Amino acid sequence: QVQLVESGGGLVQAGGSLRLSCAASGRTFSSRGMGWFRQAPGKERESVASISWNGGSTYYADSVKGRFAISRDNAKNTVYLQMDSLKPEDTAVYYCAVRNTPWSGESSSETDFGWWGQGTQVTVSS
């Protein structure tokens, strides 16, 4: 059974940092693009960042450019999201996801992703 398990969320003050991890089990995703999405209360889920299967290309939402960094370790079947200079508006449930297509690049479209984690809460206090 395929599982994506996020960790690293929590409560942090504005200006602080968190590092999210998403470990996949049940199959290897080293040949697929991966991404992070988030959903704040009362809002639609939105793309935050994504990374190609080999880590060679990345995508960032404008709201997080320069503050967040996505990376992956294919040997560990894990994707990371380093979040620095956090703002209260970054508060959301963060989800990791894996692309449907093998040998895929980055994407900001939810429909390109077929496997999803359960989410981890990130709360940034002002």
Foldseek 3Di string as FASTA:
>chain_A
DKAWAKDFADEEAQQAKIKIKIFIDDDAQLQWKKFKWWDDPPDDIWGAKIFFSPRPDMDGDPVQPPFKDKDDDRVRSMIMIIGGSDDQVVWTWMKMFTAPDGNGGTDGDPVRTDDMHPTDTHGYHD
